[in-house]
Amino acid sequence: MIQLGSYTFKNLIMESLFKLKSSERKFRGVIVAHDMTAKERQECKELVQDAKLQESQDVSGEFIYRVRALPPPGKMRITKIRVRT
């Protein structure tokens, strides 16, 4: 676990993680994830359940529902995403 001085640095690192997939073999298995408090994990779990429920109730099949976090940490919401056809 590492702690960074600002959210700007954290966001820069998180946005660059895709580069690990094309790196040396020993770094391809590295996993980096956001650290969440117990309250945030519970909130995320509940939102994921709500998103799955909304997706199952969408009879059109045009949309999927995913939990996304907004820039200030801990601000999660369900996002409706149009499926590409």
PDB file of N, CA and C in Angstrom:
ATOM      1  N   MET A   1       0.853  -1.169   0.000  1.00  0.00           N
ATOM      2  CA  MET A   1       0.000   0.000   0.000  1.00  0.00           C
ATOM      3  C   MET A   1       0.899   1.230   0.000  1.00  0.00           C
ATOM      4  N   ILE A   2       0.511   2.195  -0.813  1.00  0.00           N
ATOM      5  CA  ILE A   2       1.248   3.452  -0.823  1.00  0.00           C
ATOM      6  C   ILE A   2       0.281   4.597  -0.571  1.00  0.00           C
ATOM      7  N   GLN A   3       0.813   5.664  -0.015  1.00  0.00           N
ATOM      8  CA  GLN A   3       0.013   6.856   0.234  1.00  0.00           C
ATOM      9  C   GLN A   3       0.661   8.003  -0.521  1.00  0.00           C
ATOM     10  N   LEU A   4      -0.138   8.718  -1.288  1.00  0.00           N
ATOM     11  CA  LEU A   4       0.372   9.821  -2.098  1.00  0.00           C
ATOM     12  C   LEU A   4      -0.018  11.153  -1.471  1.00  0.00           C
ATOM     13  N   GLY A   5       0.756  12.176  -1.803  1.00  0.00           N
ATOM     14  CA  GLY A   5       0.542  13.492  -1.217  1.00  0.00           C
ATOM     15  C   GLY A   5      -0.701  14.210  -1.700  1.00  0.00           C
ATOM     16  N   SER A   6      -1.178  13.888  -2.912  1.00  0.00           N
ATOM     17  CA  SER A   6      -2.371  14.571  -3.414  1.00  0.00           C
ATOM     18  C   SER A   6      -3.147  13.642  -4.347  1.00  0.00           C
ATOM     19  N   TYR A   7      -4.397  13.990  -4.549  1.00  0.00           N
ATOM     20  CA  TYR A   7      -5.248  13.204  -5.444  1.00  0.00           C
ATOM     21  C   TYR A   7      -4.815  13.372  -6.899  1.00  0.00           C
ATOM     22  N   THR A   8      -4.148  14.465  -7.199  1.00  0.00           N
ATOM     23  CA  THR A   8      -3.663  14.688  -8.559  1.00  0.00           C
ATOM     24  C   THR A   8      -2.657  13.611  -8.944  1.00  0.00           C
ATOM     25  N   PHE A   9      -1.711  13.330  -8.048  1.00  0.00           N
ATOM     26  CA  PHE A   9      -0.717  12.286  -8.318  1.00  0.00           C
ATOM     27  C   PHE A   9      -1.378  10.925  -8.437  1.00  0.00           C
ATOM     28  N   LYS A  10      -2.323  10.666  -7.547  1.00  0.00           N
ATOM     29  CA  LYS A  10      -3.030   9.386  -7.580  1.00  0.00           C
ATOM     30  C   LYS A  10      -3.759   9.216  -8.905  1.00  0.00           C
ATOM     31  N   ASN A  11      -4.446  10.263  -9.345  1.00  0.00           N
ATOM     32  CA  ASN A  11      -5.188  10.182 -10.601  1.00  0.00           C
ATOM     33  C   ASN A  11      -4.255   9.984 -11.791  1.00  0.00           C
ATOM     34  N   LEU A  12      -3.105  10.640 -11.785  1.00  0.00           N
ATOM     35  CA  LEU A  12      -2.132  10.445 -12.867  1.00  0.00           C
ATOM     36  C   LEU A  12      -1.666   8.991 -12.934  1.00  0.00           C
ATOM     37  N   ILE A  13      -1.409   8.417 -11.780  1.00  0.00           N
ATOM     38  CA  ILE A  13      -0.968   7.015 -11.726  1.00  0.00           C
ATOM     39  C   ILE A  13      -2.090   6.094 -12.203  1.00  0.00           C
ATOM     40  N   MET A  14      -3.304   6.313 -11.709  1.00  0.00           N
ATOM     41  CA  MET A  14      -4.422   5.448 -12.071  1.00  0.00           C
ATOM     42  C   MET A  14      -4.736   5.534 -13.565  1.00  0.00           C
ATOM     43  N   GLU A  15      -4.558   6.712 -14.150  1.00  0.00           N
ATOM     44  CA  GLU A  15      -4.816   6.874 -15.584  1.00  0.00           C
ATOM     45  C   GLU A  15      -3.743   6.225 -16.449  1.00  0.00           C
ATOM     46  N   SER A  16      -2.581   5.946 -15.877  1.00  0.00           N
ATOM     47  CA  SER A  16      -1.468   5.375 -16.639  1.00  0.00           C
ATOM     48  C   SER A  16      -1.336   3.866 -16.464  1.00  0.00           C
ATOM     49  N   LEU A  17      -2.220   3.261 -15.711  1.00  0.00           N
ATOM     50  CA  LEU A  17      -2.102   1.828 -15.412  1.00  0.00           C
ATOM     51  C   LEU A  17      -2.213   0.939 -16.636  1.00  0.00           C
ATOM     52  N   PHE A  18      -2.880   1.404 -17.675  1.00  0.00           N
ATOM     53  CA  PHE A  18      -3.020   0.583 -18.876  1.00  0.00           C
ATOM     54  C   PHE A  18      -1.656   0.226 -19.465  1.00  0.00           C
ATOM     55  N   LYS A  19      -0.642   1.015 -19.170  1.00  0.00           N
ATOM     56  CA  LYS A  19       0.693   0.772 -19.703  1.00  0.00           C
ATOM     57  C   LYS A  19       1.330  -0.490 -19.112  1.00  0.00           C
ATOM     58  N   LEU A  20       0.846  -0.932 -17.962  1.00  0.00           N
ATOM     59  CA  LEU A  20       1.386  -2.151 -17.347  1.00  0.00           C
ATOM     60  C   LEU A  20       1.140  -3.379 -18.221  1.00  0.00           C
ATOM     61  N   LYS A  21       0.052  -3.388 -18.965  1.00  0.00           N
ATOM     62  CA  LYS A  21      -0.278  -4.548 -19.794  1.00  0.00           C
ATOM     63  C   LYS A  21       0.771  -4.793 -20.875  1.00  0.00           C
ATOM     64  N   SER A  22       1.406  -3.725 -21.344  1.00  0.00           N
ATOM     65  CA  SER A  22       2.406  -3.891 -22.395  1.00  0.00           C
ATOM     66  C   SER A  22       3.833  -3.792 -21.853  1.00  0.00           C
ATOM     67  N   SER A  23       3.987  -3.886 -20.548  1.00  0.00           N
ATOM     68  CA  SER A  23       5.313  -3.779 -19.943  1.00  0.00           C
ATOM     69  C   SER A  23       5.992  -5.150 -19.881  1.00  0.00           C
ATOM     70  N   GLU A  24       7.118  -5.197 -19.201  1.00  0.00           N
ATOM     71  CA  GLU A  24       7.850  -6.462 -19.043  1.00  0.00           C
ATOM     72  C   GLU A  24       6.959  -7.501 -18.375  1.00  0.00           C
ATOM     73  N   ARG A  25       7.248  -8.748 -18.624  1.00  0.00           N
ATOM     74  CA  ARG A  25       6.436  -9.853 -18.119  1.00  0.00           C
ATOM     75  C   ARG A  25       6.250  -9.803 -16.595  1.00  0.00           C
ATOM     76  N   LYS A  26       7.296  -9.448 -15.859  1.00  0.00           N
ATOM     77  CA  LYS A  26       7.215  -9.467 -14.394  1.00  0.00           C
ATOM     78  C   LYS A  26       6.260  -8.407 -13.841  1.00  0.00           C
ATOM     79  N   PHE A  27       5.928  -7.368 -14.625  1.00  0.00           N
ATOM     80  CA  PHE A  27       5.031  -6.321 -14.153  1.00  0.00           C
ATOM     81  C   PHE A  27       3.589  -6.507 -14.620  1.00  0.00           C
ATOM     82  N   ARG A  28       3.338  -7.439 -15.509  1.00  0.00           N
ATOM     83  CA  ARG A  28       1.993  -7.627 -16.048  1.00  0.00           C
ATOM     84  C   ARG A  28       0.995  -8.119 -15.006  1.00  0.00           C
ATOM     85  N   GLY A  29       1.471  -8.786 -13.984  1.00  0.00           N
ATOM     86  CA  GLY A  29       0.584  -9.312 -12.950  1.00  0.00           C
ATOM     87  C   GLY A  29       0.320  -8.344 -11.808  1.00  0.00           C
ATOM     88  N   VAL A  30       0.851  -7.134 -11.900  1.00  0.00           N
ATOM     89  CA  VAL A  30       0.668  -6.146 -10.839  1.00  0.00           C
ATOM     90  C   VAL A  30      -0.769  -5.623 -10.878  1.00  0.00           C
ATOM     91  N   ILE A  31      -1.386  -5.578  -9.712  1.00  0.00           N
ATOM     92  CA  ILE A  31      -2.755  -5.088  -9.602  1.00  0.00           C
ATOM     93  C   ILE A  31      -2.743  -3.842  -8.737  1.00  0.00           C
ATOM     94  N   VAL A  32      -3.367  -2.794  -9.219  1.00  0.00           N
ATOM     95  CA  VAL A  32      -3.472  -1.542  -8.478  1.00  0.00           C
ATOM     96  C   VAL A  32      -4.949  -1.207  -8.359  1.00  0.00           C
ATOM     97  N   ALA A  33      -5.395  -0.905  -7.143  1.00  0.00           N
ATOM     98  CA  ALA A  33      -6.806  -0.589  -6.921  1.00  0.00           C
ATOM     99  C   ALA A  33      -6.920   0.537  -5.901  1.00  0.00           C
ATOM    100  N   HIS A  34      -8.049   1.192  -5.920  1.00  0.00           N
ATOM    101  CA  HIS A  34      -8.331   2.231  -4.944  1.00  0.00           C
ATOM    102  C   HIS A  34      -8.556   1.588  -3.587  1.00  0.00           C
ATOM    103  N   ASP A  35      -8.105   2.240  -2.537  1.00  0.00           N
ATOM    104  CA  ASP A  35      -8.359   1.774  -1.186  1.00  0.00           C
ATOM    105  C   ASP A  35      -9.639   2.435  -0.699  1.00  0.00           C
ATOM    106  N   MET A  36     -10.560   1.642  -0.180  1.00  0.00           N
ATOM    107  CA  MET A  36     -11.822   2.191   0.296  1.00  0.00           C
ATOM    108  C   MET A  36     -12.024   1.826   1.755  1.00  0.00           C
ATOM    109  N   THR A  37     -12.702   2.686   2.483  1.00  0.00           N
ATOM    110  CA  THR A  37     -13.055   2.399   3.861  1.00  0.00           C
ATOM    111  C   THR A  37     -14.161   1.349   3.867  1.00  0.00           C
ATOM    112  N   ALA A  38     -14.442   0.796   5.030  1.00  0.00           N
ATOM    113  CA  ALA A  38     -15.504  -0.204   5.143  1.00  0.00           C
ATOM    114  C   ALA A  38     -16.849   0.393   4.721  1.00  0.00           C
ATOM    115  N   LYS A  39     -17.090   1.644   5.088  1.00  0.00           N
ATOM    116  CA  LYS A  39     -18.334   2.310   4.715  1.00  0.00           C
ATOM    117  C   LYS A  39     -18.429   2.474   3.196  1.00  0.00           C
ATOM    118  N   GLU A  40     -17.314   2.861   2.551  1.00  0.00           N
ATOM    119  CA  GLU A  40     -17.300   3.028   1.098  1.00  0.00           C
ATOM    120  C   GLU A  40     -17.508   1.694   0.391  1.00  0.00           C
ATOM    121  N   ARG A  41     -16.895   0.624   0.912  1.00  0.00           N
ATOM    122  CA  ARG A  41     -17.090  -0.705   0.307  1.00  0.00           C
ATOM    123  C   ARG A  41     -18.545  -1.134   0.393  1.00  0.00           C
ATOM    124  N   GLN A  42     -19.188  -0.883   1.541  1.00  0.00           N
ATOM    125  CA  GLN A  42     -20.593  -1.241   1.715  1.00  0.00           C
ATOM    126  C   GLN A  42     -21.472  -0.432   0.762  1.00  0.00           C
ATOM    127  N   GLU A  43     -21.194   0.869   0.641  1.00  0.00           N
ATOM    128  CA  GLU A  43     -21.946   1.720  -0.278  1.00  0.00           C
ATOM    129  C   GLU A  43     -21.788   1.232  -1.721  1.00  0.00           C
ATOM    130  N   CYS A  44     -20.569   0.870  -2.089  1.00  0.00           N
ATOM    131  CA  CYS A  44     -20.299   0.370  -3.442  1.00  0.00           C
ATOM    132  C   CYS A  44     -21.056  -0.932  -3.688  1.00  0.00           C
ATOM    133  N   LYS A  45     -21.044  -1.803  -2.717  1.00  0.00           N
ATOM    134  CA  LYS A  45     -21.737  -3.087  -2.844  1.00  0.00           C
ATOM    135  C   LYS A  45     -23.237  -2.869  -3.058  1.00  0.00           C
ATOM    136  N   GLU A  46     -23.828  -1.938  -2.294  1.00  0.00           N
ATOM    137  CA  GLU A  46     -25.246  -1.650  -2.440  1.00  0.00           C
ATOM    138  C   GLU A  46     -25.546  -1.021  -3.808  1.00  0.00           C
ATOM    139  N   LEU A  47     -24.683  -0.128  -4.257  1.00  0.00           N
ATOM    140  CA  LEU A  47     -24.876   0.489  -5.563  1.00  0.00           C
ATOM    141  C   LEU A  47     -24.762  -0.530  -6.695  1.00  0.00           C
ATOM    142  N   VAL A  48     -23.838  -1.472  -6.566  1.00  0.00           N
ATOM    143  CA  VAL A  48     -23.691  -2.514  -7.581  1.00  0.00           C
ATOM    144  C   VAL A  48     -24.962  -3.361  -7.642  1.00  0.00           C
ATOM    145  N   GLN A  49     -25.526  -3.694  -6.490  1.00  0.00           N
ATOM    146  CA  GLN A  49     -26.776  -4.455  -6.474  1.00  0.00           C
ATOM    147  C   GLN A  49     -27.900  -3.665  -7.145  1.00  0.00           C
ATOM    148  N   ASP A  50     -27.975  -2.355  -6.843  1.00  0.00           N
ATOM    149  CA  ASP A  50     -28.992  -1.504  -7.472  1.00  0.00           C
ATOM    150  C   ASP A  50     -28.783  -1.431  -8.984  1.00  0.00           C
ATOM    151  N   ALA A  51     -27.532  -1.331  -9.414  1.00  0.00           N
ATOM    152  CA  ALA A  51     -27.228  -1.263 -10.847  1.00  0.00           C
ATOM    153  C   ALA A  51     -27.648  -2.554 -11.551  1.00  0.00           C
ATOM    154  N   LYS A  52     -27.384  -3.690 -10.921  1.00  0.00           N
ATOM    155  CA  LYS A  52     -27.797  -4.970 -11.501  1.00  0.00           C
ATOM    156  C   LYS A  52     -29.313  -5.056 -11.598  1.00  0.00           C
ATOM    157  N   LEU A  53     -30.011  -4.562 -10.585  1.00  0.00           N
ATOM    158  CA  LEU A  53     -31.470  -4.565 -10.600  1.00  0.00           C
ATOM    159  C   LEU A  53     -31.992  -3.682 -11.730  1.00  0.00           C
ATOM    160  N   GLN A  54     -31.436  -2.471 -11.867  1.00  0.00           N
ATOM    161  CA  GLN A  54     -31.856  -1.568 -12.944  1.00  0.00           C
ATOM    162  C   GLN A  54     -31.598  -2.180 -14.311  1.00  0.00           C
ATOM    163  N   GLU A  55     -30.451  -2.859 -14.450  1.00  0.00           N
ATOM    164  CA  GLU A  55     -30.123  -3.485 -15.736  1.00  0.00           C
ATOM    165  C   GLU A  55     -31.091  -4.618 -16.059  1.00  0.00           C
ATOM    166  N   SER A  56     -31.480  -5.381 -15.052  1.00  0.00           N
ATOM    167  CA  SER A  56     -32.417  -6.481 -15.300  1.00  0.00           C
ATOM    168  C   SER A  56     -33.818  -5.966 -15.626  1.00  0.00           C
ATOM    169  N   GLN A  57     -34.157  -4.773 -15.143  1.00  0.00           N
ATOM    170  CA  GLN A  57     -35.477  -4.198 -15.407  1.00  0.00           C
ATOM    171  C   GLN A  57     -35.526  -3.435 -16.731  1.00  0.00           C
ATOM    172  N   ASP A  58     -34.377  -3.179 -17.342  1.00  0.00           N
ATOM    173  CA  ASP A  58     -34.334  -2.468 -18.623  1.00  0.00           C
ATOM    174  C   ASP A  58     -34.635  -3.468 -19.735  1.00  0.00           C
ATOM    175  N   VAL A  59     -35.875  -3.440 -20.225  1.00  0.00           N
ATOM    176  CA  VAL A  59     -36.307  -4.413 -21.221  1.00  0.00           C
ATOM    177  C   VAL A  59     -35.783  -4.106 -22.617  1.00  0.00           C
ATOM    178  N   SER A  60     -35.342  -2.869 -22.847  1.00  0.00           N
ATOM    179  CA  SER A  60     -34.878  -2.500 -24.187  1.00  0.00           C
ATOM    180  C   SER A  60     -33.533  -3.141 -24.517  1.00  0.00           C
ATOM    181  N   GLY A  61     -32.705  -3.386 -23.512  1.00  0.00           N
ATOM    182  CA  GLY A  61     -31.383  -3.953 -23.749  1.00  0.00           C
ATOM    183  C   GLY A  61     -30.388  -2.965 -24.330  1.00  0.00           C
ATOM    184  N   GLU A  62     -30.761  -1.694 -24.395  1.00  0.00           N
ATOM    185  CA  GLU A  62     -29.894  -0.667 -24.967  1.00  0.00           C
ATOM    186  C   GLU A  62     -28.845  -0.138 -23.988  1.00  0.00           C
ATOM    187  N   PHE A  63     -29.068  -0.355 -22.712  1.00  0.00           N
ATOM    188  CA  PHE A  63     -28.205   0.250 -21.713  1.00  0.00           C
ATOM    189  C   PHE A  63     -27.657  -0.783 -20.731  1.00  0.00           C
ATOM    190  N   ILE A  64     -26.479  -0.474 -20.188  1.00  0.00           N
ATOM    191  CA  ILE A  64     -25.938  -1.215 -19.055  1.00  0.00           C
ATOM    192  C   ILE A  64     -25.761  -0.202 -17.929  1.00  0.00           C
ATOM    193  N   TYR A  65     -25.720  -0.661 -16.733  1.00  0.00           N
ATOM    194  CA  TYR A  65     -25.622   0.212 -15.571  1.00  0.00           C
ATOM    195  C   TYR A  65     -24.372  -0.169 -14.779  1.00  0.00           C
ATOM    196  N   ARG A  66     -23.530   0.823 -14.512  1.00  0.00           N
ATOM    197  CA  ARG A  66     -22.274   0.586 -13.809  1.00  0.00           C
ATOM    198  C   ARG A  66     -22.100   1.619 -12.707  1.00  0.00           C
ATOM    199  N   VAL A  67     -21.374   1.234 -11.676  1.00  0.00           N
ATOM    200  CA  VAL A  67     -21.063   2.146 -10.581  1.00  0.00           C
ATOM    201  C   VAL A  67     -19.766   2.857 -10.934  1.00  0.00           C
ATOM    202  N   ARG A  68     -19.793   4.167 -10.883  1.00  0.00           N
ATOM    203  CA  ARG A  68     -18.627   4.993 -11.192  1.00  0.00           C
ATOM    204  C   ARG A  68     -18.405   5.969 -10.054  1.00  0.00           C
ATOM    205  N   ALA A  69     -17.143   6.310  -9.828  1.00  0.00           N
ATOM    206  CA  ALA A  69     -16.806   7.269  -8.778  1.00  0.00           C
ATOM    207  C   ALA A  69     -16.545   8.630  -9.394  1.00  0.00           C
ATOM    208  N   LEU A  70     -17.016   9.648  -8.736  1.00  0.00           N
ATOM    209  CA  LEU A  70     -16.757  11.022  -9.148  1.00  0.00           C
ATOM    210  C   LEU A  70     -15.439  11.476  -8.542  1.00  0.00           C
ATOM    211  N   PRO A  71     -14.831  12.534  -9.041  1.00  0.00           N
ATOM    212  CA  PRO A  71     -13.512  12.963  -8.579  1.00  0.00           C
ATOM    213  C   PRO A  71     -13.310  13.076  -7.066  1.00  0.00           C
ATOM    214  N   PRO A  72     -14.170  13.747  -6.296  1.00  0.00           N
ATOM    215  CA  PRO A  72     -13.894  13.700  -4.864  1.00  0.00           C
ATOM    216  C   PRO A  72     -14.073  12.269  -4.375  1.00  0.00           C
ATOM    217  N   PRO A  73     -13.094  11.703  -3.703  1.00  0.00           N
ATOM    218  CA  PRO A  73     -13.184  10.304  -3.259  1.00  0.00           C
ATOM    219  C   PRO A  73     -14.452  10.021  -2.464  1.00  0.00           C
ATOM    220  N   GLY A  74     -15.003   8.865  -2.699  1.00  0.00           N
ATOM    221  CA  GLY A  74     -16.187   8.439  -1.971  1.00  0.00           C
ATOM    222  C   GLY A  74     -17.504   8.867  -2.582  1.00  0.00           C
ATOM    223  N   LYS A  75     -17.496   9.561  -3.692  1.00  0.00           N
ATOM    224  CA  LYS A  75     -18.726  10.026  -4.336  1.00  0.00           C
ATOM    225  C   LYS A  75     -19.080   9.082  -5.478  1.00  0.00           C
ATOM    226  N   MET A  76     -19.719   7.973  -5.166  1.00  0.00           N
ATOM    227  CA  MET A  76     -20.068   6.977  -6.174  1.00  0.00           C
ATOM    228  C   MET A  76     -21.519   7.146  -6.609  1.00  0.00           C
ATOM    229  N   ARG A  77     -21.780   6.770  -7.870  1.00  0.00           N
ATOM    230  CA  ARG A  77     -23.136   6.835  -8.401  1.00  0.00           C
ATOM    231  C   ARG A  77     -23.293   5.785  -9.489  1.00  0.00           C
ATOM    232  N   ILE A  78     -24.540   5.510  -9.833  1.00  0.00           N
ATOM    233  CA  ILE A  78     -24.830   4.568 -10.913  1.00  0.00           C
ATOM    234  C   ILE A  78     -24.899   5.351 -12.215  1.00  0.00           C
ATOM    235  N   THR A  79     -24.191   4.857 -13.227  1.00  0.00           N
ATOM    236  CA  THR A  79     -24.153   5.503 -14.534  1.00  0.00           C
ATOM    237  C   THR A  79     -24.836   4.612 -15.559  1.00  0.00           C
ATOM    238  N   LYS A  80     -25.686   5.211 -16.364  1.00  0.00           N
ATOM    239  CA  LYS A  80     -26.395   4.509 -17.432  1.00  0.00           C
ATOM    240  C   LYS A  80     -25.585   4.677 -18.708  1.00  0.00           C
ATOM    241  N   ILE A  81     -25.133   3.565 -19.308  1.00  0.00           N
ATOM    242  CA  ILE A  81     -24.262   3.595 -20.472  1.00  0.00           C
ATOM    243  C   ILE A  81     -24.960   2.913 -21.646  1.00  0.00           C
ATOM    244  N   ARG A  82     -24.988   3.594 -22.784  1.00  0.00           N
ATOM    245  CA  ARG A  82     -25.595   3.011 -23.983  1.00  0.00           C
ATOM    246  C   ARG A  82     -24.673   1.919 -24.532  1.00  0.00           C
ATOM    247  N   VAL A  83     -25.250   0.770 -24.852  1.00  0.00           N
ATOM    248  CA  VAL A  83     -24.488  -0.347 -25.413  1.00  0.00           C
ATOM    249  C   VAL A  83     -24.241  -0.074 -26.875  1.00  0.00           C
ATOM    250  N   ARG A  84     -23.022  -0.254 -27.318  1.00  0.00           N
ATOM    251  CA  ARG A  84     -22.694  -0.060 -28.733  1.00  0.00           C
ATOM    252  C   ARG A  84     -23.199  -1.243 -29.542  1.00  0.00           C
ATOM    253  N   THR A  85     -23.800  -0.949 -30.669  1.00  0.00           N
ATOM    254  CA  THR A  85     -24.292  -2.042 -31.517  1.00  0.00           C
ATOM    255  C   THR A  85     -23.643  -2.009 -32.857  1.00  0.00           C
TER     256      THR A  85
END
